[in-house]
């Protein structure tokens, strides 16, 4: 069983999944291999959402002729807090940003004053210097809610889109990043 998992993963990494994009974006041969690789792994690959299948079929590099429509669909799916405020409570955002079981943002982004940070995503150090204009709040909110609305097929979690965070929790993280009083903007980032 382990060998089948390894072969299926290797096939995905090597691009065997190119084929004709269908419901899964996988070639029929690879789809058969995945079906025999175990229920949870196979289900995750074979039951991809259409947007994820498109990313899989194109190895996360969408062709120019589909990017515009893809981004438009991602943006149209963004939901906003019921009260319309894109900045919530920065203290609640701090807890989401800096907790492994919640946002886990610090694992990829440098800038946290509480945790040694990762470097997978761009540095967020001094992010609040962008200001708190409506445009900055909206951009920050939308990227956290669904980064595919700006960066198709990125590895960043689609926190709101996939239900990992509520719109209100996303707004709290926005406040943590932007509020001038936030510890994120008043304390130095923790360094190694």
C-alpha atoms as a PDB file:
ATOM      1  CA  UNK A   1       0.000   0.000   0.000  1.00  0.00           C
ATOM      2  CA  UNK A   2       2.819   2.413   0.917  1.00  0.00           C
ATOM      3  CA  UNK A   3       4.429   1.800  -2.492  1.00  0.00           C
ATOM      4  CA  UNK A   4       1.208   2.772  -4.269  1.00  0.00           C
ATOM      5  CA  UNK A   5       1.017   6.017  -2.259  1.00  0.00           C
ATOM      6  CA  UNK A   6       4.620   6.747  -3.157  1.00  0.00           C
ATOM      7  CA  UNK A   7       4.045   5.985  -6.851  1.00  0.00           C
ATOM      8  CA  UNK A   8       0.943   8.157  -7.004  1.00  0.00           C
ATOM      9  CA  UNK A   9       2.705  11.041  -5.279  1.00  0.00           C
ATOM     10  CA  UNK A  10       5.737  10.643  -7.525  1.00  0.00           C
ATOM     11  CA  UNK A  11       3.500  10.612 -10.590  1.00  0.00           C
ATOM     12  CA  UNK A  12       1.869  13.850  -9.469  1.00  0.00           C
ATOM     13  CA  UNK A  13       5.242  15.466  -8.838  1.00  0.00           C
ATOM     14  CA  UNK A  14       6.617  14.346 -12.199  1.00  0.00           C
ATOM     15  CA  UNK A  15       3.613  15.700 -14.036  1.00  0.00           C
ATOM     16  CA  UNK A  16       2.077  12.439 -15.187  1.00  0.00           C
ATOM     17  CA  UNK A  17      -1.220  14.035 -14.209  1.00  0.00           C
ATOM     18  CA  UNK A  18      -1.134  16.345 -17.240  1.00  0.00           C
ATOM     19  CA  UNK A  19      -3.473  14.405 -19.544  1.00  0.00           C
ATOM     20  CA  UNK A  20      -6.839  15.784 -20.530  1.00  0.00           C
ATOM     21  CA  UNK A  21      -8.218  17.806 -17.663  1.00  0.00           C
ATOM     22  CA  UNK A  22     -11.441  16.207 -16.559  1.00  0.00           C
ATOM     23  CA  UNK A  23     -13.192  16.218 -13.257  1.00  0.00           C
ATOM     24  CA  UNK A  24      -9.924  15.511 -11.445  1.00  0.00           C
ATOM     25  CA  UNK A  25      -7.330  16.799 -13.896  1.00  0.00           C
ATOM     26  CA  UNK A  26      -5.588  13.418 -13.696  1.00  0.00           C
ATOM     27  CA  UNK A  27      -4.803  11.107 -16.584  1.00  0.00           C
ATOM     28  CA  UNK A  28      -6.896   7.940 -16.574  1.00  0.00           C
ATOM     29  CA  UNK A  29      -3.835   5.804 -15.742  1.00  0.00           C
ATOM     30  CA  UNK A  30      -2.962   7.940 -12.746  1.00  0.00           C
ATOM     31  CA  UNK A  31      -6.594   8.057 -11.649  1.00  0.00           C
ATOM     32  CA  UNK A  32      -6.617   4.224 -11.573  1.00  0.00           C
ATOM     33  CA  UNK A  33      -3.423   4.221  -9.524  1.00  0.00           C
ATOM     34  CA  UNK A  34      -4.839   6.764  -7.089  1.00  0.00           C
ATOM     35  CA  UNK A  35      -8.093   4.788  -6.732  1.00  0.00           C
ATOM     36  CA  UNK A  36      -6.087   1.788  -5.560  1.00  0.00           C
ATOM     37  CA  UNK A  37      -3.902   3.747  -3.146  1.00  0.00           C
ATOM     38  CA  UNK A  38      -6.157   3.923  -0.127  1.00  0.00           C
ATOM     39  CA  UNK A  39      -9.457   5.585   0.552  1.00  0.00           C
ATOM     40  CA  UNK A  40      -8.418   8.855   2.192  1.00  0.00           C
ATOM     41  CA  UNK A  41      -5.593   9.636  -0.235  1.00  0.00           C
ATOM     42  CA  UNK A  42      -7.598   8.597  -3.259  1.00  0.00           C
ATOM     43  CA  UNK A  43     -10.676  10.522  -2.182  1.00  0.00           C
ATOM     44  CA  UNK A  44      -8.654  13.690  -1.612  1.00  0.00           C
ATOM     45  CA  UNK A  45      -7.227  13.560  -5.125  1.00  0.00           C
ATOM     46  CA  UNK A  46     -10.260  12.276  -7.015  1.00  0.00           C
ATOM     47  CA  UNK A  47     -12.793  14.577  -5.326  1.00  0.00           C
ATOM     48  CA  UNK A  48     -10.966  17.843  -5.831  1.00  0.00           C
ATOM     49  CA  UNK A  49     -13.051  20.938  -6.295  1.00  0.00           C
ATOM     50  CA  UNK A  50     -13.024  22.255  -9.878  1.00  0.00           C
ATOM     51  CA  UNK A  51     -10.616  25.071  -9.004  1.00  0.00           C
ATOM     52  CA  UNK A  52      -8.197  22.710  -7.251  1.00  0.00           C
ATOM     53  CA  UNK A  53      -8.443  20.248 -10.148  1.00  0.00           C
ATOM     54  CA  UNK A  54      -7.551  23.061 -12.544  1.00  0.00           C
ATOM     55  CA  UNK A  55      -4.453  23.859 -10.467  1.00  0.00           C
ATOM     56  CA  UNK A  56      -3.532  20.163 -10.377  1.00  0.00           C
ATOM     57  CA  UNK A  57      -4.008  19.737 -14.122  1.00  0.00           C
ATOM     58  CA  UNK A  58      -1.701  22.683 -14.840  1.00  0.00           C
ATOM     59  CA  UNK A  59       0.847  21.941 -12.090  1.00  0.00           C
ATOM     60  CA  UNK A  60      -0.146  25.171 -10.296  1.00  0.00           C
ATOM     61  CA  UNK A  61       0.771  27.325 -13.309  1.00  0.00           C
ATOM     62  CA  UNK A  62      -2.468  28.299 -14.970  1.00  0.00           C
ATOM     63  CA  UNK A  63      -2.288  29.273 -18.632  1.00  0.00           C
ATOM     64  CA  UNK A  64      -2.864  32.927 -19.461  1.00  0.00           C
ATOM     65  CA  UNK A  65      -6.207  32.221 -21.137  1.00  0.00           C
ATOM     66  CA  UNK A  66      -7.775  30.879 -17.906  1.00  0.00           C
ATOM     67  CA  UNK A  67      -6.188  33.084 -15.225  1.00  0.00           C
ATOM     68  CA  UNK A  68      -8.639  36.004 -15.573  1.00  0.00           C
ATOM     69  CA  UNK A  69     -11.734  33.830 -15.251  1.00  0.00           C
ATOM     70  CA  UNK A  70     -10.139  31.860 -12.409  1.00  0.00           C
ATOM     71  CA  UNK A  71      -9.364  35.024 -10.412  1.00  0.00           C
ATOM     72  CA  UNK A  72     -12.827  36.426 -11.076  1.00  0.00           C
ATOM     73  CA  UNK A  73     -14.443  33.230  -9.756  1.00  0.00           C
ATOM     74  CA  UNK A  74     -12.215  33.231  -6.664  1.00  0.00           C
ATOM     75  CA  UNK A  75     -13.024  36.877  -5.880  1.00  0.00           C
ATOM     76  CA  UNK A  76     -16.741  36.359  -6.337  1.00  0.00           C
ATOM     77  CA  UNK A  77     -16.681  33.643  -3.651  1.00  0.00           C
ATOM     78  CA  UNK A  78     -15.233  35.912  -0.937  1.00  0.00           C
ATOM     79  CA  UNK A  79     -17.596  36.498   1.991  1.00  0.00           C
ATOM     80  CA  UNK A  80     -17.286  39.454   4.327  1.00  0.00           C
ATOM     81  CA  UNK A  81     -18.115  39.919   8.023  1.00  0.00           C
ATOM     82  CA  UNK A  82     -21.788  40.500   8.776  1.00  0.00           C
ATOM     83  CA  UNK A  83     -21.067  43.905  10.288  1.00  0.00           C
ATOM     84  CA  UNK A  84     -19.118  44.967   7.175  1.00  0.00           C
ATOM     85  CA  UNK A  85     -15.974  45.815   9.181  1.00  0.00           C
ATOM     86  CA  UNK A  86     -12.792  44.430   7.641  1.00  0.00           C
ATOM     87  CA  UNK A  87     -10.748  45.101  10.794  1.00  0.00           C
ATOM     88  CA  UNK A  88     -11.844  43.381  13.961  1.00  0.00           C
ATOM     89  CA  UNK A  89     -10.127  43.069  17.335  1.00  0.00           C
ATOM     90  CA  UNK A  90      -6.338  42.824  17.003  1.00  0.00           C
ATOM     91  CA  UNK A  91      -5.995  40.901  20.276  1.00  0.00           C
ATOM     92  CA  UNK A  92      -8.238  38.150  18.931  1.00  0.00           C
ATOM     93  CA  UNK A  93      -6.273  38.303  15.670  1.00  0.00           C
ATOM     94  CA  UNK A  94      -3.048  37.847  17.614  1.00  0.00           C
ATOM     95  CA  UNK A  95      -4.374  34.557  19.007  1.00  0.00           C
ATOM     96  CA  UNK A  96      -5.378  33.321  15.546  1.00  0.00           C
ATOM     97  CA  UNK A  97      -2.122  34.390  13.870  1.00  0.00           C
ATOM     98  CA  UNK A  98       0.143  32.897  16.544  1.00  0.00           C
ATOM     99  CA  UNK A  99      -1.608  29.599  17.329  1.00  0.00           C
ATOM    100  CA  UNK A 100      -0.634  26.420  15.496  1.00  0.00           C
ATOM    101  CA  UNK A 101      -4.157  25.038  15.674  1.00  0.00           C
ATOM    102  CA  UNK A 102      -5.743  28.238  14.305  1.00  0.00           C
ATOM    103  CA  UNK A 103      -4.144  30.440  11.664  1.00  0.00           C
ATOM    104  CA  UNK A 104      -0.592  29.246  12.118  1.00  0.00           C
ATOM    105  CA  UNK A 105       0.430  32.293  10.052  1.00  0.00           C
ATOM    106  CA  UNK A 106       3.790  32.662  11.775  1.00  0.00           C
ATOM    107  CA  UNK A 107       4.920  29.277  10.457  1.00  0.00           C
ATOM    108  CA  UNK A 108       5.208  30.740   6.953  1.00  0.00           C
ATOM    109  CA  UNK A 109       5.438  34.516   7.445  1.00  0.00           C
ATOM    110  CA  UNK A 110       8.154  36.432   9.304  1.00  0.00           C
ATOM    111  CA  UNK A 111       7.050  39.262  11.569  1.00  0.00           C
ATOM    112  CA  UNK A 112       5.513  37.773  14.702  1.00  0.00           C
ATOM    113  CA  UNK A 113       6.714  39.307  17.972  1.00  0.00           C
ATOM    114  CA  UNK A 114       5.693  36.087  19.774  1.00  0.00           C
ATOM    115  CA  UNK A 115       7.075  33.258  17.630  1.00  0.00           C
ATOM    116  CA  UNK A 116      10.156  32.552  15.585  1.00  0.00           C
ATOM    117  CA  UNK A 117       8.764  32.686  12.074  1.00  0.00           C
ATOM    118  CA  UNK A 118       9.072  30.862   8.799  1.00  0.00           C
ATOM    119  CA  UNK A 119      10.125  32.153   5.417  1.00  0.00           C
ATOM    120  CA  UNK A 120       7.835  30.305   3.014  1.00  0.00           C
ATOM    121  CA  UNK A 121       5.631  33.330   2.426  1.00  0.00           C
ATOM    122  CA  UNK A 122       6.628  36.974   2.188  1.00  0.00           C
ATOM    123  CA  UNK A 123       7.745  38.798   5.321  1.00  0.00           C
ATOM    124  CA  UNK A 124       4.946  40.645   7.078  1.00  0.00           C
ATOM    125  CA  UNK A 125       7.295  42.614   9.308  1.00  0.00           C
ATOM    126  CA  UNK A 126       6.079  46.201   9.680  1.00  0.00           C
ATOM    127  CA  UNK A 127       2.982  45.310   7.638  1.00  0.00           C
ATOM    128  CA  UNK A 128       1.024  48.016   9.452  1.00  0.00           C
ATOM    129  CA  UNK A 129       3.128  50.701   7.769  1.00  0.00           C
ATOM    130  CA  UNK A 130       0.843  50.270   4.764  1.00  0.00           C
ATOM    131  CA  UNK A 131      -1.787  52.185   6.712  1.00  0.00           C
ATOM    132  CA  UNK A 132      -5.394  51.340   7.402  1.00  0.00           C
ATOM    133  CA  UNK A 133      -7.130  52.729   4.337  1.00  0.00           C
ATOM    134  CA  UNK A 134     -10.189  50.872   3.077  1.00  0.00           C
ATOM    135  CA  UNK A 135      -8.171  49.631   0.071  1.00  0.00           C
ATOM    136  CA  UNK A 136      -5.402  48.195   2.279  1.00  0.00           C
ATOM    137  CA  UNK A 137      -7.942  46.581   4.619  1.00  0.00           C
ATOM    138  CA  UNK A 138      -9.850  45.050   1.684  1.00  0.00           C
ATOM    139  CA  UNK A 139      -6.726  43.698  -0.015  1.00  0.00           C
ATOM    140  CA  UNK A 140      -5.399  42.221   3.244  1.00  0.00           C
ATOM    141  CA  UNK A 141      -8.781  40.706   4.114  1.00  0.00           C
ATOM    142  CA  UNK A 142      -9.271  39.177   0.665  1.00  0.00           C
ATOM    143  CA  UNK A 143      -5.773  37.692   0.517  1.00  0.00           C
ATOM    144  CA  UNK A 144      -6.244  36.027   3.901  1.00  0.00           C
ATOM    145  CA  UNK A 145      -9.780  34.878   3.077  1.00  0.00           C
ATOM    146  CA  UNK A 146      -8.811  33.470  -0.330  1.00  0.00           C
ATOM    147  CA  UNK A 147      -5.276  34.092  -1.619  1.00  0.00           C
ATOM    148  CA  UNK A 148      -6.189  32.440  -4.923  1.00  0.00           C
ATOM    149  CA  UNK A 149      -8.164  35.607  -5.700  1.00  0.00           C
ATOM    150  CA  UNK A 150      -4.770  37.291  -6.181  1.00  0.00           C
ATOM    151  CA  UNK A 151      -2.239  34.471  -6.462  1.00  0.00           C
ATOM    152  CA  UNK A 152      -3.792  31.510  -8.294  1.00  0.00           C
ATOM    153  CA  UNK A 153      -2.836  28.093  -6.934  1.00  0.00           C
ATOM    154  CA  UNK A 154      -0.536  29.464  -4.215  1.00  0.00           C
ATOM    155  CA  UNK A 155       0.234  27.137  -1.312  1.00  0.00           C
ATOM    156  CA  UNK A 156      -1.172  29.605   1.232  1.00  0.00           C
ATOM    157  CA  UNK A 157      -4.241  28.267   2.996  1.00  0.00           C
ATOM    158  CA  UNK A 158      -7.541  29.620   1.734  1.00  0.00           C
ATOM    159  CA  UNK A 159      -8.614  30.340   5.297  1.00  0.00           C
ATOM    160  CA  UNK A 160     -12.101  31.723   4.724  1.00  0.00           C
ATOM    161  CA  UNK A 161     -12.828  29.989   1.441  1.00  0.00           C
ATOM    162  CA  UNK A 162     -12.212  26.561   2.963  1.00  0.00           C
ATOM    163  CA  UNK A 163     -13.936  27.364   6.268  1.00  0.00           C
ATOM    164  CA  UNK A 164     -10.764  27.296   8.372  1.00  0.00           C
ATOM    165  CA  UNK A 165     -11.577  30.787   9.684  1.00  0.00           C
ATOM    166  CA  UNK A 166     -14.846  32.698   9.784  1.00  0.00           C
ATOM    167  CA  UNK A 167     -15.067  36.111   8.090  1.00  0.00           C
ATOM    168  CA  UNK A 168     -14.958  37.683  11.556  1.00  0.00           C
ATOM    169  CA  UNK A 169     -11.768  35.786  12.450  1.00  0.00           C
ATOM    170  CA  UNK A 170     -10.169  36.909   9.188  1.00  0.00           C
ATOM    171  CA  UNK A 171     -11.066  40.504  10.147  1.00  0.00           C
ATOM    172  CA  UNK A 172      -9.352  39.985  13.514  1.00  0.00           C
ATOM    173  CA  UNK A 173      -6.156  38.890  11.751  1.00  0.00           C
ATOM    174  CA  UNK A 174      -6.405  41.961   9.493  1.00  0.00           C
ATOM    175  CA  UNK A 175      -6.568  44.112  12.629  1.00  0.00           C
ATOM    176  CA  UNK A 176      -3.560  42.331  14.113  1.00  0.00           C
ATOM    177  CA  UNK A 177      -1.547  43.106  10.975  1.00  0.00           C
ATOM    178  CA  UNK A 178      -2.743  46.684  10.424  1.00  0.00           C
ATOM    179  CA  UNK A 179      -3.831  48.292  13.697  1.00  0.00           C
ATOM    180  CA  UNK A 180      -1.117  50.755  14.797  1.00  0.00           C
ATOM    181  CA  UNK A 181      -1.707  49.718  18.441  1.00  0.00           C
ATOM    182  CA  UNK A 182      -1.256  46.012  17.688  1.00  0.00           C
ATOM    183  CA  UNK A 183       1.702  44.189  19.198  1.00  0.00           C
ATOM    184  CA  UNK A 184       2.528  43.196  15.611  1.00  0.00           C
ATOM    185  CA  UNK A 185       3.256  46.852  14.879  1.00  0.00           C
ATOM    186  CA  UNK A 186       4.606  47.998  18.267  1.00  0.00           C
ATOM    187  CA  UNK A 187       6.983  45.157  19.149  1.00  0.00           C
ATOM    188  CA  UNK A 188       9.937  43.852  17.160  1.00  0.00           C
ATOM    189  CA  UNK A 189       9.627  40.593  15.262  1.00  0.00           C
ATOM    190  CA  UNK A 190      11.101  37.654  17.129  1.00  0.00           C
ATOM    191  CA  UNK A 191      14.344  36.572  15.468  1.00  0.00           C
ATOM    192  CA  UNK A 192      16.395  33.390  15.747  1.00  0.00           C
END
